N, C-alpha and C. Protein backbone atom coordinates (compact mmCIF):
# COMPACT_ATOMS: atom_id res chain seq x y z
N MET A 1 32.78 -7.30 12.28
CA MET A 1 33.81 -7.55 11.84
C MET A 1 34.31 -6.45 11.93
N LYS A 2 34.96 -6.49 13.31
CA LYS A 2 35.94 -5.31 14.70
C LYS A 2 37.22 -5.01 13.07
N ALA A 3 37.43 -3.99 12.39
CA ALA A 3 38.75 -4.10 11.87
C ALA A 3 39.84 -3.58 12.52
N ILE A 4 41.36 -3.85 11.75
CA ILE A 4 42.08 -3.33 12.19
C ILE A 4 42.75 -4.87 13.61
N THR A 5 41.99 -5.79 13.73
CA THR A 5 42.13 -6.49 15.11
C THR A 5 43.85 -7.46 14.43
N SER A 6 43.86 -7.40 13.20
CA SER A 6 45.14 -8.06 12.78
C SER A 6 45.46 -7.92 11.37
N LEU A 7 46.70 -7.50 11.47
CA LEU A 7 47.32 -6.68 9.86
C LEU A 7 47.51 -8.29 9.02
N VAL A 8 47.82 -9.26 9.85
CA VAL A 8 47.71 -10.24 9.13
C VAL A 8 47.16 -11.16 8.76
N SER A 9 45.25 -10.97 9.78
CA SER A 9 44.68 -11.51 9.42
C SER A 9 43.43 -10.88 7.89
N LEU A 10 44.09 -9.51 8.31
CA LEU A 10 43.46 -8.66 6.82
C LEU A 10 43.92 -8.80 5.76
N VAL A 11 45.23 -9.06 5.88
CA VAL A 11 45.94 -9.02 4.59
C VAL A 11 45.59 -9.85 3.38
N LEU A 12 44.46 -11.14 4.41
CA LEU A 12 43.84 -12.29 3.81
C LEU A 12 42.78 -11.61 2.88
N VAL A 13 42.55 -11.00 2.83
CA VAL A 13 41.64 -10.47 2.42
C VAL A 13 42.12 -10.49 0.72
N THR A 14 41.31 -11.29 -0.34
CA THR A 14 42.17 -10.73 -1.46
C THR A 14 41.08 -11.09 -2.63
N THR A 15 39.49 -11.02 -2.11
CA THR A 15 38.84 -11.04 -3.37
C THR A 15 38.24 -9.35 -3.97
N VAL A 16 38.39 -9.17 -4.95
CA VAL A 16 37.82 -7.60 -5.01
C VAL A 16 36.62 -7.24 -4.84
N ALA A 17 36.01 -6.48 -4.81
CA ALA A 17 34.90 -6.09 -4.87
C ALA A 17 34.38 -5.58 -6.37
N THR A 18 33.27 -6.89 -6.95
CA THR A 18 33.04 -6.10 -8.13
C THR A 18 32.00 -5.61 -8.68
N THR A 19 31.03 -5.85 -7.67
CA THR A 19 29.57 -5.19 -7.87
C THR A 19 29.49 -4.06 -7.40
N ALA A 20 30.70 -3.31 -6.50
CA ALA A 20 30.41 -1.72 -6.32
C ALA A 20 31.12 -0.96 -7.33
N LEU A 21 31.35 -1.05 -8.01
CA LEU A 21 31.91 -0.34 -8.54
C LEU A 21 31.80 -0.30 -10.66
N ALA A 22 31.10 0.63 -11.85
CA ALA A 22 31.69 -0.37 -12.86
C ALA A 22 33.32 0.23 -13.50
N GLN A 23 33.28 -0.06 -14.54
CA GLN A 23 34.57 0.33 -15.16
C GLN A 23 34.50 2.05 -16.27
N ASP A 24 35.36 2.42 -16.02
CA ASP A 24 35.42 3.80 -16.77
C ASP A 24 36.10 4.16 -17.88
N THR A 25 35.83 4.29 -18.81
CA THR A 25 36.46 3.63 -19.91
C THR A 25 36.95 5.79 -20.31
N THR A 26 36.68 6.58 -19.59
CA THR A 26 37.36 7.37 -20.05
C THR A 26 38.27 7.95 -18.62
N THR A 27 38.39 7.40 -18.05
CA THR A 27 39.94 7.69 -16.27
C THR A 27 41.10 7.62 -17.55
N GLN A 28 41.55 8.76 -17.24
CA GLN A 28 43.28 9.65 -17.29
C GLN A 28 44.24 8.80 -16.09
N THR A 29 45.49 8.49 -17.22
CA THR A 29 46.14 8.00 -16.33
C THR A 29 46.87 8.82 -15.41
N PRO A 30 47.31 9.04 -14.88
CA PRO A 30 47.73 9.86 -13.69
C PRO A 30 49.23 10.66 -14.05
N PRO A 31 49.29 12.01 -13.86
CA PRO A 31 50.65 12.79 -14.11
C PRO A 31 51.60 12.02 -14.30
N ALA A 32 52.88 11.89 -14.54
CA ALA A 32 54.26 11.27 -14.18
C ALA A 32 55.02 11.61 -13.07
N ALA A 33 54.53 12.88 -12.60
CA ALA A 33 54.86 13.43 -11.44
C ALA A 33 54.26 12.64 -10.25
N GLU A 34 53.00 12.52 -10.45
CA GLU A 34 51.94 12.02 -9.25
C GLU A 34 52.04 10.88 -9.25
N ALA A 35 52.61 9.75 -10.16
CA ALA A 35 52.09 8.32 -10.12
C ALA A 35 53.11 7.55 -9.12
N GLY A 36 54.78 8.46 -8.42
CA GLY A 36 54.62 7.90 -7.73
C GLY A 36 54.59 8.23 -5.85
N ALA A 37 53.30 8.70 -5.83
CA ALA A 37 53.18 9.69 -5.13
C ALA A 37 52.48 9.02 -3.91
N GLY A 38 53.26 8.95 -2.59
CA GLY A 38 52.55 8.68 -1.28
C GLY A 38 53.17 7.24 -1.05
N ALA A 39 53.34 6.86 0.07
CA ALA A 39 54.22 5.34 0.53
C ALA A 39 53.45 4.34 -0.15
N ALA A 40 52.54 4.30 -0.16
CA ALA A 40 52.03 3.21 -0.94
C ALA A 40 51.84 3.00 -2.31
N ALA A 41 52.43 3.78 -3.17
CA ALA A 41 53.09 3.48 -4.59
C ALA A 41 54.18 2.60 -4.26
N ALA A 42 55.15 3.17 -3.55
CA ALA A 42 56.32 2.75 -3.38
C ALA A 42 56.57 1.31 -3.19
N THR A 43 55.50 1.02 -1.87
CA THR A 43 55.21 -0.14 -1.64
C THR A 43 54.60 -1.14 -2.69
N SER A 44 53.57 -0.61 -3.07
CA SER A 44 53.19 -1.58 -4.26
C SER A 44 54.41 -1.99 -5.49
N GLY A 45 55.01 -0.97 -5.77
CA GLY A 45 55.58 -0.76 -6.95
C GLY A 45 54.53 -0.75 -8.43
N ALA A 46 53.76 -0.14 -7.98
CA ALA A 46 52.70 -0.47 -9.24
C ALA A 46 52.50 1.72 -8.84
N ALA A 47 52.10 1.57 -10.21
CA ALA A 47 52.17 3.47 -10.53
C ALA A 47 50.31 3.82 -10.26
N PRO A 48 50.06 4.74 -9.33
CA PRO A 48 48.21 4.73 -9.04
C PRO A 48 47.78 5.62 -9.43
N ALA A 49 46.64 4.59 -10.30
CA ALA A 49 45.41 6.02 -10.58
C ALA A 49 44.16 6.56 -9.74
N ALA A 50 44.52 5.77 -8.75
CA ALA A 50 43.39 6.36 -8.04
C ALA A 50 43.69 5.09 -6.59
N GLU A 51 43.28 5.40 -5.26
CA GLU A 51 43.91 4.96 -3.97
C GLU A 51 42.32 4.38 -3.29
N PRO A 52 42.75 4.75 -1.53
CA PRO A 52 41.76 3.49 -0.77
C PRO A 52 40.29 3.90 -1.73
N ALA A 53 39.60 2.58 -1.78
CA ALA A 53 38.48 2.06 -1.28
C ALA A 53 37.48 2.03 -3.62
N ALA A 54 38.30 2.65 -3.88
CA ALA A 54 37.53 2.30 -5.21
C ALA A 54 38.67 3.06 -6.34
N GLU A 55 38.29 2.37 -7.31
CA GLU A 55 39.13 2.91 -8.55
C GLU A 55 38.07 4.13 -9.32
N ALA A 56 38.49 4.37 -10.36
CA ALA A 56 37.75 5.30 -11.27
C ALA A 56 36.36 5.07 -11.79
N GLY A 57 36.28 3.71 -12.04
CA GLY A 57 34.87 3.29 -12.72
C GLY A 57 33.68 3.72 -11.64
N ASP A 58 33.75 4.15 -10.60
CA ASP A 58 32.81 4.86 -9.45
C ASP A 58 31.81 5.92 -10.69
N THR A 59 32.10 6.59 -11.63
CA THR A 59 31.94 8.02 -12.27
C THR A 59 30.74 7.18 -13.25
N ALA A 60 31.37 6.17 -14.02
CA ALA A 60 30.63 5.42 -14.97
C ALA A 60 29.13 4.58 -14.62
N GLY A 61 29.79 4.21 -12.93
CA GLY A 61 28.47 3.53 -12.35
C GLY A 61 28.02 4.11 -11.53
N GLY A 62 28.25 5.98 -11.79
CA GLY A 62 26.97 6.06 -10.80
C GLY A 62 27.02 6.77 -9.32
N ASN A 63 27.98 5.58 -8.98
CA ASN A 63 28.86 5.54 -7.35
C ASN A 63 29.64 7.16 -6.88
N ASP A 64 29.70 7.78 -8.53
CA ASP A 64 30.73 9.02 -7.94
C ASP A 64 29.86 10.53 -8.04
N ALA A 65 28.85 9.84 -7.73
CA ALA A 65 27.43 10.97 -7.86
C ALA A 65 27.12 11.71 -6.43
N PRO A 66 27.20 12.92 -6.43
CA PRO A 66 26.85 13.35 -4.96
C PRO A 66 25.44 12.98 -4.44
N VAL A 67 25.43 12.51 -3.48
CA VAL A 67 24.59 12.01 -2.09
C VAL A 67 23.45 13.47 -1.67
N GLU A 68 22.49 13.08 -1.67
CA GLU A 68 21.53 14.36 -1.07
C GLU A 68 20.96 13.56 0.06
N MET A 69 21.28 13.87 1.34
CA MET A 69 20.65 13.23 2.57
C MET A 69 20.23 14.31 3.53
N ALA A 70 18.62 13.61 3.82
CA ALA A 70 17.84 14.90 4.50
C ALA A 70 18.74 15.31 6.19
N GLU A 71 18.17 16.46 6.53
CA GLU A 71 19.29 16.44 7.50
C GLU A 71 18.30 16.00 8.88
N GLY A 72 19.43 15.02 9.74
CA GLY A 72 19.24 14.10 10.39
C GLY A 72 19.08 12.82 10.27
N GLU A 73 19.23 12.40 8.76
CA GLU A 73 18.91 10.84 8.30
C GLU A 73 19.93 10.56 8.60
N THR A 74 20.29 8.87 9.16
CA THR A 74 20.99 8.37 9.50
C THR A 74 21.65 7.07 8.46
N THR A 75 20.33 6.60 7.41
CA THR A 75 20.64 5.57 7.24
C THR A 75 21.33 5.73 5.50
N LEU A 76 22.30 5.37 5.27
CA LEU A 76 22.93 5.43 4.05
C LEU A 76 22.47 4.96 2.82
N PRO A 77 22.63 5.04 1.46
CA PRO A 77 21.93 4.80 0.51
C PRO A 77 22.48 2.72 0.03
N ASN A 78 23.43 2.89 0.56
CA ASN A 78 23.52 1.13 1.15
C ASN A 78 23.14 0.65 2.05
N GLY A 79 21.80 1.29 3.22
CA GLY A 79 21.36 0.46 3.82
C GLY A 79 22.05 0.55 5.53
N MET A 80 23.44 1.08 5.50
CA MET A 80 23.87 0.73 6.50
C MET A 80 23.52 2.13 7.66
N ASP A 81 23.47 2.41 8.77
CA ASP A 81 22.64 3.14 9.43
C ASP A 81 23.99 3.88 10.11
N VAL A 82 24.56 4.66 9.91
CA VAL A 82 25.65 5.52 10.80
C VAL A 82 25.66 5.88 11.94
N THR A 83 24.88 5.25 13.30
CA THR A 83 24.55 6.22 14.16
C THR A 83 25.60 5.00 14.84
N ALA A 84 26.18 6.04 16.22
CA ALA A 84 27.24 5.60 16.86
C ALA A 84 26.80 4.66 17.87
N VAL A 85 27.00 3.19 18.34
CA VAL A 85 26.91 2.76 19.39
C VAL A 85 27.53 2.33 20.53
N THR A 86 28.15 1.77 20.18
CA THR A 86 29.40 1.25 21.21
C THR A 86 30.67 2.13 20.60
N GLN A 87 31.87 1.83 21.64
CA GLN A 87 33.16 2.14 21.42
C GLN A 87 34.42 1.49 21.75
N GLU A 88 35.06 0.84 21.21
CA GLU A 88 35.80 -0.35 21.32
C GLU A 88 36.98 0.45 20.53
N ASN A 89 38.52 -0.24 21.61
CA ASN A 89 39.84 0.54 21.07
C ASN A 89 40.03 2.27 20.47
N GLY A 90 39.06 3.01 21.11
CA GLY A 90 38.92 4.31 20.95
C GLY A 90 38.14 4.71 19.34
N ARG A 91 37.99 3.21 18.91
CA ARG A 91 37.09 3.79 17.84
C ARG A 91 35.37 2.95 18.18
N TRP A 92 34.31 4.52 17.29
CA TRP A 92 33.19 4.17 17.69
C TRP A 92 32.29 2.98 16.23
N TYR A 93 31.58 2.36 17.06
CA TYR A 93 30.83 1.12 15.84
C TYR A 93 29.51 1.78 15.83
N ASN A 94 28.76 1.23 14.84
CA ASN A 94 27.27 1.13 14.72
C ASN A 94 26.88 -0.41 15.50
N ALA A 95 25.43 -0.10 15.30
CA ALA A 95 24.98 -1.55 16.08
C ALA A 95 24.99 -2.98 15.27
N GLU A 96 25.77 -2.57 13.77
CA GLU A 96 26.39 -3.80 12.97
C GLU A 96 27.63 -4.48 13.43
N GLY A 97 28.50 -3.27 14.55
CA GLY A 97 29.47 -3.36 14.59
C GLY A 97 30.83 -2.94 13.44
N ILE A 98 30.22 -1.87 12.55
CA ILE A 98 30.88 -1.56 11.05
C ILE A 98 31.23 -0.12 11.59
N PRO A 99 32.54 0.07 11.28
CA PRO A 99 32.81 1.72 12.15
C PRO A 99 32.23 2.87 11.86
N THR A 100 31.86 3.99 12.37
CA THR A 100 31.47 5.08 12.14
C THR A 100 31.61 6.30 12.98
N PHE A 101 31.45 7.04 12.60
CA PHE A 101 31.76 8.84 13.65
C PHE A 101 31.20 8.58 14.62
N LYS A 102 31.67 9.41 15.22
CA LYS A 102 30.67 10.08 16.60
C LYS A 102 31.47 11.76 16.84
N ILE A 103 30.27 12.82 16.46
CA ILE A 103 30.56 14.13 16.72
C ILE A 103 29.37 14.79 17.63
N GLU A 104 30.54 15.20 18.73
CA GLU A 104 29.23 16.05 19.39
C GLU A 104 29.71 17.17 20.09
N ASN A 105 28.77 17.90 20.06
CA ASN A 105 28.80 19.63 20.06
C ASN A 105 30.20 20.50 18.89
N GLY A 106 30.31 19.67 17.97
CA GLY A 106 31.53 19.98 17.16
C GLY A 106 32.43 19.48 17.44
N VAL A 107 32.55 18.64 18.07
CA VAL A 107 34.04 17.96 18.17
C VAL A 107 33.50 16.54 17.87
N VAL A 108 35.11 16.94 17.02
CA VAL A 108 34.94 14.81 16.42
C VAL A 108 35.87 13.77 16.87
N ASP A 109 35.19 12.26 17.00
CA ASP A 109 36.15 11.53 17.67
C ASP A 109 37.38 11.19 17.23
N PHE A 110 38.81 10.85 17.71
CA PHE A 110 39.71 11.13 17.34
C PHE A 110 39.63 9.98 16.09
N ALA A 111 39.55 8.77 15.58
CA ALA A 111 39.86 8.21 14.65
C ALA A 111 38.52 8.69 13.32
N THR A 112 38.09 9.87 13.64
CA THR A 112 37.96 10.32 12.32
C THR A 112 38.50 11.61 11.90
N PHE A 113 39.53 12.31 13.29
CA PHE A 113 40.28 12.92 12.69
C PHE A 113 41.84 12.98 12.61
N ASN A 114 42.03 12.09 13.01
CA ASN A 114 42.80 10.90 12.19
C ASN A 114 42.63 10.55 10.84
N GLY A 115 41.71 9.65 10.50
CA GLY A 115 41.18 9.52 8.75
C GLY A 115 41.12 10.99 8.26
N PHE A 116 41.15 11.92 8.72
CA PHE A 116 41.20 12.91 7.72
C PHE A 116 42.58 13.39 7.26
N ARG A 117 43.85 12.85 8.33
CA ARG A 117 45.40 13.41 8.80
C ARG A 117 45.58 12.08 7.55
N ARG A 118 45.57 10.84 7.17
CA ARG A 118 45.92 10.00 6.57
C ARG A 118 45.33 9.68 5.42
N TYR A 119 44.04 10.49 5.23
CA TYR A 119 43.38 10.86 3.84
C TYR A 119 44.53 11.40 3.42
N HIS A 120 44.94 12.89 3.69
CA HIS A 120 45.66 13.51 2.72
C HIS A 120 46.92 13.27 2.73
N ALA A 121 47.77 12.29 3.44
CA ALA A 121 49.26 11.17 3.47
C ALA A 121 48.85 10.44 2.49
N GLU A 122 47.47 10.00 2.16
CA GLU A 122 48.00 8.65 0.97
C GLU A 122 47.08 8.47 0.49
N CYS A 123 45.69 9.47 0.34
CA CYS A 123 44.59 9.46 -0.52
C CYS A 123 44.56 10.64 -1.61
N HIS A 124 45.11 11.42 -0.93
CA HIS A 124 44.15 12.82 -1.88
C HIS A 124 45.36 12.95 -3.07
N VAL A 125 45.99 12.72 -3.45
CA VAL A 125 46.67 13.29 -4.40
C VAL A 125 46.39 12.32 -5.85
N CYS A 126 45.40 11.32 -5.59
CA CYS A 126 44.59 10.60 -6.72
C CYS A 126 43.23 11.46 -6.54
N HIS A 127 42.65 11.08 -5.11
CA HIS A 127 41.11 11.13 -5.00
C HIS A 127 40.59 12.79 -4.53
N GLY A 128 42.12 13.43 -4.48
CA GLY A 128 41.22 14.83 -4.26
C GLY A 128 41.14 15.09 -3.30
N PRO A 129 41.77 16.72 -2.63
CA PRO A 129 41.85 16.85 -0.82
C PRO A 129 40.01 16.64 -0.46
N ASP A 130 40.19 15.91 0.53
CA ASP A 130 38.78 16.24 1.01
C ASP A 130 37.77 14.52 0.47
N GLY A 131 38.94 14.05 -0.22
CA GLY A 131 37.63 12.41 -1.43
C GLY A 131 36.87 13.21 -1.80
N GLU A 132 37.43 14.59 -2.47
CA GLU A 132 36.06 15.23 -3.63
C GLU A 132 36.13 14.88 -4.72
N GLY A 133 37.66 13.89 -5.40
CA GLY A 133 37.37 13.66 -6.21
C GLY A 133 38.68 14.28 -7.62
N SER A 134 38.83 13.69 -8.36
CA SER A 134 39.96 14.41 -9.25
C SER A 134 39.66 13.95 -10.94
N THR A 135 40.20 13.87 -11.77
CA THR A 135 39.41 13.73 -13.40
C THR A 135 40.32 12.38 -13.48
N TYR A 136 40.67 11.70 -12.73
CA TYR A 136 41.48 10.43 -13.11
C TYR A 136 41.21 9.72 -11.61
N ALA A 137 40.22 10.24 -11.03
CA ALA A 137 39.95 8.98 -9.73
C ALA A 137 38.32 10.15 -8.63
N PRO A 138 37.67 8.88 -8.60
CA PRO A 138 36.64 9.01 -8.04
C PRO A 138 36.53 9.83 -6.76
N ALA A 139 35.49 10.51 -6.00
CA ALA A 139 35.25 11.47 -5.02
C ALA A 139 34.47 10.32 -4.49
N LEU A 140 35.97 9.62 -2.90
CA LEU A 140 35.31 8.91 -2.19
C LEU A 140 34.13 9.46 -1.13
N LYS A 141 34.32 10.60 -0.91
CA LYS A 141 33.08 10.90 0.06
C LYS A 141 31.48 10.61 -0.18
N ASN A 142 31.58 10.32 -1.58
CA ASN A 142 30.06 9.76 -2.31
C ASN A 142 30.47 8.28 -2.35
N SER A 143 30.96 7.33 -3.33
CA SER A 143 31.52 6.33 -2.85
C SER A 143 31.16 5.49 -1.68
N VAL A 144 31.30 5.79 -0.45
CA VAL A 144 31.54 5.32 1.06
C VAL A 144 30.08 5.28 1.07
N LEU A 145 29.56 6.09 0.52
CA LEU A 145 28.12 6.24 0.84
C LEU A 145 27.35 4.99 0.28
N ARG A 146 27.55 4.68 -0.40
CA ARG A 146 27.12 3.45 -1.26
C ARG A 146 27.72 2.05 -1.55
N MET A 147 29.23 2.03 -1.00
CA MET A 147 29.84 0.90 -1.08
C MET A 147 29.58 0.36 -0.09
N ASP A 148 29.50 -1.30 0.18
CA ASP A 148 29.72 -1.74 1.66
C ASP A 148 30.74 -1.53 2.08
N TYR A 149 30.91 -1.75 3.18
CA TYR A 149 31.99 -1.92 4.46
C TYR A 149 33.44 -2.73 3.87
N TYR A 150 32.49 -3.71 3.59
CA TYR A 150 33.75 -4.82 3.30
C TYR A 150 33.84 -5.03 2.25
N GLU A 151 33.22 -4.49 1.30
CA GLU A 151 33.82 -3.49 -0.05
C GLU A 151 34.88 -3.07 -0.37
N PHE A 152 34.65 -2.32 0.61
CA PHE A 152 35.74 -1.45 0.42
C PHE A 152 36.82 -1.84 0.95
N GLN A 153 37.24 -2.57 2.17
CA GLN A 153 38.28 -3.16 2.61
C GLN A 153 38.47 -4.20 1.49
N GLU A 154 38.31 -4.84 0.97
CA GLU A 154 38.53 -5.75 -0.44
C GLU A 154 39.00 -5.23 -1.25
N VAL A 155 38.62 -3.61 -1.82
CA VAL A 155 39.37 -3.17 -2.68
C VAL A 155 40.69 -2.48 -2.20
N VAL A 156 40.65 -1.85 -0.88
CA VAL A 156 41.76 -1.35 -0.42
C VAL A 156 42.68 -2.14 -0.26
N ALA A 157 42.69 -3.65 0.27
CA ALA A 157 43.79 -4.37 0.27
C ALA A 157 43.81 -5.18 -0.89
N SER A 158 42.91 -4.91 -1.68
CA SER A 158 43.43 -6.17 -3.47
C SER A 158 44.15 -5.29 -4.23
N GLY A 159 43.27 -4.08 -4.65
CA GLY A 159 43.77 -2.73 -5.41
C GLY A 159 43.16 -3.80 -6.58
N ARG A 160 42.84 -2.89 -7.46
CA ARG A 160 41.82 -3.04 -8.72
C ARG A 160 42.63 -2.27 -9.79
N GLN A 161 42.58 -3.20 -11.19
CA GLN A 161 43.19 -2.82 -12.20
C GLN A 161 42.06 -2.49 -13.33
N GLY A 162 41.74 -1.05 -13.80
CA GLY A 162 40.86 -0.58 -14.23
C GLY A 162 41.49 -0.26 -15.52
N THR A 163 40.25 0.35 -16.55
CA THR A 163 40.19 0.43 -17.77
C THR A 163 41.48 1.11 -18.33
N ASN A 164 42.08 1.93 -17.81
CA ASN A 164 43.50 2.14 -18.15
C ASN A 164 44.12 3.01 -16.74
N SER A 165 43.56 2.43 -15.61
CA SER A 165 44.37 2.81 -14.94
C SER A 165 44.37 1.54 -13.68
N VAL A 166 44.84 1.40 -12.95
CA VAL A 166 45.88 0.68 -11.98
C VAL A 166 46.03 1.49 -10.49
N MET A 167 44.85 0.48 -9.82
CA MET A 167 44.94 1.26 -7.87
C MET A 167 45.54 -0.29 -7.50
N PRO A 168 46.76 0.03 -6.84
CA PRO A 168 47.71 -0.43 -6.27
C PRO A 168 47.15 -1.10 -5.04
N ALA A 169 47.19 -2.21 -4.47
CA ALA A 169 46.62 -3.38 -3.56
C ALA A 169 48.04 -2.36 -2.18
N PHE A 170 46.90 -2.07 -0.80
CA PHE A 170 47.66 -1.66 0.12
C PHE A 170 47.50 -2.04 1.44
N GLY A 171 46.95 -4.10 1.51
CA GLY A 171 47.18 -4.54 2.29
C GLY A 171 48.03 -4.94 2.89
N THR A 172 49.51 -4.30 2.60
CA THR A 172 50.69 -4.97 3.40
C THR A 172 51.17 -3.39 3.21
N ASN A 173 50.95 -2.32 3.29
CA ASN A 173 51.19 -1.06 3.64
C ASN A 173 50.44 -0.20 5.17
N LYS A 174 51.43 -0.49 5.93
CA LYS A 174 50.89 -0.54 7.18
C LYS A 174 50.32 0.78 7.12
N ASN A 175 50.45 1.93 6.86
CA ASN A 175 50.24 3.53 6.85
C ASN A 175 49.20 3.31 6.35
N VAL A 176 48.53 2.91 5.69
CA VAL A 176 47.51 2.68 5.00
C VAL A 176 46.33 1.70 6.01
N TRP A 177 46.94 0.72 6.20
CA TRP A 177 46.30 -0.92 6.27
C TRP A 177 45.44 -0.24 8.03
N CYS A 178 46.27 0.28 8.58
CA CYS A 178 46.47 -0.12 10.24
C CYS A 178 45.57 1.01 10.00
N TYR A 179 45.26 1.84 9.47
CA TYR A 179 44.28 3.02 9.52
C TYR A 179 42.88 3.29 8.81
N VAL A 180 42.55 2.25 8.05
CA VAL A 180 41.91 1.58 7.03
C VAL A 180 40.29 2.30 7.56
N ASP A 181 39.61 2.07 8.31
CA ASP A 181 38.87 2.26 9.35
C ASP A 181 38.89 4.01 9.62
N ASP A 182 39.66 4.66 9.84
CA ASP A 182 39.86 5.51 10.38
C ASP A 182 39.75 6.66 9.09
N ILE A 183 40.05 6.18 7.92
CA ILE A 183 39.73 6.67 6.47
C ILE A 183 38.35 6.75 6.13
N TYR A 184 37.67 5.51 6.54
CA TYR A 184 36.78 5.11 6.18
C TYR A 184 35.52 6.03 6.84
N VAL A 185 35.82 6.35 7.75
CA VAL A 185 34.92 7.12 8.81
C VAL A 185 34.71 8.53 9.06
N TYR A 186 36.34 8.52 8.54
CA TYR A 186 36.36 10.46 7.51
C TYR A 186 35.75 10.60 6.73
N LEU A 187 35.87 9.46 5.64
CA LEU A 187 35.25 9.79 4.44
C LEU A 187 33.50 9.68 4.50
N LEU A 188 33.17 9.08 6.01
CA LEU A 188 31.70 8.91 5.67
C LEU A 188 31.27 10.37 6.42
N ALA A 189 32.12 11.02 7.48
CA ALA A 189 31.80 11.88 7.64
C ALA A 189 31.42 13.16 6.99
N HIS A 190 32.25 13.25 6.12
CA HIS A 190 32.63 13.82 5.34
C HIS A 190 31.63 14.11 3.91
N GLY A 191 30.91 12.86 3.64
CA GLY A 191 30.35 12.16 2.67
C GLY A 191 28.88 13.16 3.36
N THR A 192 28.12 12.51 4.38
CA THR A 192 27.29 12.91 5.13
C THR A 192 26.88 14.34 5.62
N GLY A 193 27.73 15.10 5.11
CA GLY A 193 28.11 16.62 5.62
C GLY A 193 28.34 16.94 6.84
N GLU A 194 28.31 16.04 7.45
CA GLU A 194 28.54 15.68 9.41
C GLU A 194 29.90 16.90 9.59
N ILE A 195 30.71 16.65 8.67
CA ILE A 195 32.28 17.70 8.65
C ILE A 195 32.25 18.35 7.39
N PRO A 196 32.25 20.01 7.55
CA PRO A 196 32.75 20.39 6.12
C PRO A 196 34.12 20.12 5.81
N ARG A 197 34.98 20.60 4.57
CA ARG A 197 36.20 20.50 4.11
C ARG A 197 36.85 21.03 4.53
N GLY A 198 38.04 20.40 4.78
CA GLY A 198 39.17 21.38 5.50
C GLY A 198 39.55 20.41 7.04
N ARG A 199 40.58 20.52 7.97
CA ARG A 199 40.74 19.82 8.83
C ARG A 199 39.71 20.10 9.80
N PRO A 200 39.56 19.30 11.01
CA PRO A 200 37.97 19.48 11.76
C PRO A 200 38.59 20.52 13.07
N ALA A 201 38.08 21.22 13.25
CA ALA A 201 38.35 22.48 14.34
C ALA A 201 38.65 21.59 15.96
N GLU A 202 37.84 21.01 16.26
CA GLU A 202 38.38 19.99 17.50
C GLU A 202 38.09 18.82 17.37
N ARG A 203 38.81 17.87 17.97
CA ARG A 203 38.95 16.69 18.64
C ARG A 203 38.75 16.12 19.76
N ALA A 204 38.30 15.08 19.56
CA ALA A 204 38.82 14.36 21.02
C ALA A 204 40.01 13.56 21.22
N ASP A 205 40.60 13.22 22.29
CA ASP A 205 41.71 13.03 22.80
C ASP A 205 41.71 11.58 22.57
N LYS A 206 43.30 11.48 22.32
CA LYS A 206 43.51 9.70 21.43
C LYS A 206 43.24 9.19 22.76
N SER A 207 42.93 8.07 22.61
CA SER A 207 42.45 7.18 24.17
C SER A 207 44.51 6.19 24.12
N GLU A 208 44.10 6.32 25.33
CA GLU A 208 45.01 4.75 25.77
C GLU A 208 44.83 3.62 24.84
N GLU A 209 43.92 3.22 24.99
CA GLU A 209 43.45 2.32 24.24
C GLU A 209 43.43 2.15 22.49
N TYR A 210 43.43 3.02 21.77
CA TYR A 210 43.69 3.28 20.46
C TYR A 210 44.88 3.22 20.54
N THR A 211 46.07 3.85 21.13
CA THR A 211 47.25 3.68 21.17
C THR A 211 47.66 2.62 21.31
N ALA A 212 47.42 1.70 21.80
CA ALA A 212 47.54 0.48 22.07
C ALA A 212 47.58 -0.89 21.18
N GLN A 213 46.35 -0.29 20.33
CA GLN A 213 46.14 -0.99 19.06
C GLN A 213 46.75 -0.97 17.89
N GLU A 214 46.57 0.50 17.99
CA GLU A 214 47.93 1.32 16.71
C GLU A 214 49.05 0.52 16.59
N ASP A 215 49.70 0.45 18.21
CA ASP A 215 51.49 0.46 18.27
C ASP A 215 51.25 -1.35 17.98
N SER A 216 50.10 -1.70 18.03
CA SER A 216 49.98 -3.35 17.76
C SER A 216 50.45 -3.68 15.92
N CYS A 217 49.15 -2.84 16.09
CA CYS A 217 49.38 -2.81 14.60
C CYS A 217 50.56 -2.61 13.48
N MET A 218 51.22 -1.67 14.24
CA MET A 218 52.03 -1.15 13.27
C MET A 218 53.10 -1.94 13.68
N SER A 219 53.71 -2.48 14.60
CA SER A 219 54.85 -3.41 15.04
C SER A 219 54.91 -5.18 14.15
N MET A 220 53.53 -5.45 13.53
CA MET A 220 53.84 -6.87 12.97
C MET A 220 54.58 -6.40 12.06
């Protein structure tokens, strides 16, 4: 499944991933000053306690724990191989057609770089800078290494009700949904240790194909 082929078709994802994360009874509700942060919160009308990909149940379920990967290892704990094989519409995919990152000589592919930007525009208030987590939302850089890619999409699209928190649905928020794969591959790249914390130093150029797909999604 190539992501972001159509905003309308992807919004039809309504099933919340129930097997990826466990409930966390110690989750805190975000401070009132932060509850409305981000365009997604305004769109959904719900106070966010966690943003794309998971809610604070990761901690109790073990999905929030740090992941140790051997140098050069390309297979994640969820069994996915992150090796980039093909490029389409300016984004890289593995052999199974799942989005992944591509880093050559320290140069990060544009989608991964854009994922850094989009994550820090929409997700970091709850999940912390660089996906490192917070007191009320999990470290997504660890969660994505254990979650199935399609579960990630389901939770982003449909949201999730936690024990003491609510993650709003982002399926109709174009600022998130049109870039959901970029956010995903950025978290993969950081979670596997391929890129450090902070803004990537060098990036590839934005391709015409990427721009065309972006314009198509945002205009729907």
